[in-house]
Amino acid sequence: MKQFVVIGCGRFGSSVAETLYKLGHEVLAIDLDEEKVQEISGRVTCAVQADVSDEKVLIELGIRNFDVVIVSIGSNYQASIMATLIAKELGVK
């Protein structure tokens, strides 16, 4: 069993998160939109509302302890790039 972080819970991100969870993996889903977090909360291990462009937030969430981070933010390219860079700096695949 692997541990995944899925950042961005739109159509693609929520589909990936739910599929990984159904396959028996632990999944932390993160989104800025509280509604999306509420929608997916029952279909993943944990769902959190957070600003992923803030490095401190990602450190506090412990993403460096996860096996893989999937960034699926489609609506805000700057946030997507920042989340990817921060995850890479923290040493996550």
C-alpha atoms as a PDB file:
ATOM      1  CA  MET A   1       0.000   0.000   0.000  1.00  0.00           C
ATOM      2  CA  LYS A   2       1.303   3.427  -0.948  1.00  0.00           C
ATOM      3  CA  GLN A   3       0.422   6.833   0.394  1.00  0.00           C
ATOM      4  CA  PHE A   4      -0.664   9.500  -2.085  1.00  0.00           C
ATOM      5  CA  VAL A   5      -1.362  13.214  -1.873  1.00  0.00           C
ATOM      6  CA  VAL A   6      -3.700  14.575  -4.531  1.00  0.00           C
ATOM      7  CA  ILE A   7      -3.606  18.356  -4.772  1.00  0.00           C
ATOM      8  CA  GLY A   8      -6.636  19.742  -6.568  1.00  0.00           C
ATOM      9  CA  CYS A   9     -10.020  18.038  -6.317  1.00  0.00           C
ATOM     10  CA  GLY A  10     -11.646  19.011  -9.582  1.00  0.00           C
ATOM     11  CA  ARG A  11     -12.919  16.355 -11.977  1.00  0.00           C
ATOM     12  CA  PHE A  12      -9.500  14.862 -12.726  1.00  0.00           C
ATOM     13  CA  GLY A  13      -8.053  15.121  -9.215  1.00  0.00           C
ATOM     14  CA  SER A  14     -11.107  13.698  -7.482  1.00  0.00           C
ATOM     15  CA  SER A  15     -11.261  10.831  -9.983  1.00  0.00           C
ATOM     16  CA  VAL A  16      -7.589   9.986  -9.383  1.00  0.00           C
ATOM     17  CA  ALA A  17      -7.967  10.271  -5.597  1.00  0.00           C
ATOM     18  CA  GLU A  18     -11.084   8.096  -5.489  1.00  0.00           C
ATOM     19  CA  THR A  19      -9.560   5.444  -7.752  1.00  0.00           C
ATOM     20  CA  LEU A  20      -6.376   5.223  -5.676  1.00  0.00           C
ATOM     21  CA  TYR A  21      -8.453   4.949  -2.494  1.00  0.00           C
ATOM     22  CA  LYS A  22     -10.614   2.181  -4.000  1.00  0.00           C
ATOM     23  CA  LEU A  23      -7.407   0.318  -4.880  1.00  0.00           C
ATOM     24  CA  GLY A  24      -6.546   0.265  -1.183  1.00  0.00           C
ATOM     25  CA  HIS A  25      -4.067   3.140  -0.955  1.00  0.00           C
ATOM     26  CA  GLU A  26      -4.058   5.917   1.613  1.00  0.00           C
ATOM     27  CA  VAL A  27      -5.045   9.210  -0.018  1.00  0.00           C
ATOM     28  CA  LEU A  28      -4.808  12.763   1.298  1.00  0.00           C
ATOM     29  CA  ALA A  29      -6.857  15.083  -0.922  1.00  0.00           C
ATOM     30  CA  ILE A  30      -6.148  18.823  -0.715  1.00  0.00           C
ATOM     31  CA  ASP A  31      -8.066  21.695  -2.287  1.00  0.00           C
ATOM     32  CA  LEU A  32      -8.547  25.394  -1.639  1.00  0.00           C
ATOM     33  CA  ASP A  33     -12.315  25.086  -2.188  1.00  0.00           C
ATOM     34  CA  GLU A  34     -14.074  23.915   0.981  1.00  0.00           C
ATOM     35  CA  GLU A  35     -17.030  22.578  -1.054  1.00  0.00           C
ATOM     36  CA  LYS A  36     -14.787  20.256  -3.051  1.00  0.00           C
ATOM     37  CA  VAL A  37     -13.131  19.078   0.159  1.00  0.00           C
ATOM     38  CA  GLN A  38     -16.541  18.277   1.672  1.00  0.00           C
ATOM     39  CA  GLU A  39     -17.624  16.426  -1.483  1.00  0.00           C
ATOM     40  CA  ILE A  40     -14.614  14.100  -1.537  1.00  0.00           C
ATOM     41  CA  SER A  41     -14.099  13.674   2.206  1.00  0.00           C
ATOM     42  CA  GLY A  42     -16.035  10.406   2.435  1.00  0.00           C
ATOM     43  CA  ARG A  43     -14.256   8.858  -0.543  1.00  0.00           C
ATOM     44  CA  VAL A  44     -10.590   9.266   0.514  1.00  0.00           C
ATOM     45  CA  THR A  45      -8.579   8.663   3.673  1.00  0.00           C
ATOM     46  CA  CYS A  46      -8.425  12.361   4.537  1.00  0.00           C
ATOM     47  CA  ALA A  47      -9.475  15.614   2.837  1.00  0.00           C
ATOM     48  CA  VAL A  48      -8.117  19.035   3.792  1.00  0.00           C
ATOM     49  CA  GLN A  49      -8.863  22.607   2.736  1.00  0.00           C
ATOM     50  CA  ALA A  50      -5.518  24.393   2.316  1.00  0.00           C
ATOM     51  CA  ASP A  51      -3.529  26.864   0.219  1.00  0.00           C
ATOM     52  CA  VAL A  52      -0.900  24.651  -1.410  1.00  0.00           C
ATOM     53  CA  SER A  53       1.141  27.591  -2.676  1.00  0.00           C
ATOM     54  CA  ASP A  54       2.263  28.124   0.944  1.00  0.00           C
ATOM     55  CA  GLU A  55       5.277  25.924   1.688  1.00  0.00           C
ATOM     56  CA  LYS A  56       4.608  26.008   5.442  1.00  0.00           C
ATOM     57  CA  VAL A  57       1.158  24.508   4.900  1.00  0.00           C
ATOM     58  CA  LEU A  58       2.540  21.585   2.892  1.00  0.00           C
ATOM     59  CA  ILE A  59       5.246  20.979   5.490  1.00  0.00           C
ATOM     60  CA  GLU A  60       2.622  21.005   8.278  1.00  0.00           C
ATOM     61  CA  LEU A  61       0.523  18.504   6.325  1.00  0.00           C
ATOM     62  CA  GLY A  62       3.579  16.239   6.217  1.00  0.00           C
ATOM     63  CA  ILE A  63       3.628  15.685   2.465  1.00  0.00           C
ATOM     64  CA  ARG A  64       7.296  14.699   2.593  1.00  0.00           C
ATOM     65  CA  ASN A  65       6.137  11.512   4.370  1.00  0.00           C
ATOM     66  CA  PHE A  66       3.996  10.427   1.400  1.00  0.00           C
ATOM     67  CA  ASP A  67       5.193   8.228  -1.446  1.00  0.00           C
ATOM     68  CA  VAL A  68       3.741  10.286  -4.311  1.00  0.00           C
ATOM     69  CA  VAL A  69       2.204  13.732  -4.792  1.00  0.00           C
ATOM     70  CA  ILE A  70      -0.116  14.301  -7.739  1.00  0.00           C
ATOM     71  CA  VAL A  71      -0.722  17.945  -8.591  1.00  0.00           C
ATOM     72  CA  SER A  72      -3.987  18.309 -10.504  1.00  0.00           C
ATOM     73  CA  ILE A  73      -4.760  22.017 -10.262  1.00  0.00           C
ATOM     74  CA  GLY A  74      -6.182  23.108 -13.592  1.00  0.00           C
ATOM     75  CA  SER A  75      -7.698  26.469 -12.775  1.00  0.00           C
ATOM     76  CA  ASN A  76      -4.637  28.230 -11.329  1.00  0.00           C
ATOM     77  CA  TYR A  77      -1.387  27.528 -13.158  1.00  0.00           C
ATOM     78  CA  GLN A  78       0.690  29.571 -10.719  1.00  0.00           C
ATOM     79  CA  ALA A  79      -0.576  27.517  -7.753  1.00  0.00           C
ATOM     80  CA  SER A  80       0.038  24.330  -9.727  1.00  0.00           C
ATOM     81  CA  ILE A  81       3.639  25.278 -10.465  1.00  0.00           C
ATOM     82  CA  MET A  82       4.270  26.419  -6.887  1.00  0.00           C
ATOM     83  CA  ALA A  83       2.831  23.214  -5.406  1.00  0.00           C
ATOM     84  CA  THR A  84       4.957  21.119  -7.771  1.00  0.00           C
ATOM     85  CA  LEU A  85       8.134  23.046  -6.972  1.00  0.00           C
ATOM     86  CA  ILE A  86       7.528  22.874  -3.219  1.00  0.00           C
ATOM     87  CA  ALA A  87       6.821  19.130  -3.363  1.00  0.00           C
ATOM     88  CA  LYS A  88      10.015  18.553  -5.352  1.00  0.00           C
ATOM     89  CA  GLU A  89      12.038  20.666  -2.911  1.00  0.00           C
ATOM     90  CA  LEU A  90      10.665  18.553  -0.061  1.00  0.00           C
ATOM     91  CA  GLY A  91      11.853  15.426  -1.889  1.00  0.00           C
ATOM     92  CA  VAL A  92       8.502  13.910  -2.826  1.00  0.00           C
ATOM     93  CA  LYS A  93       8.065  11.995  -6.078  1.00  0.00           C
END
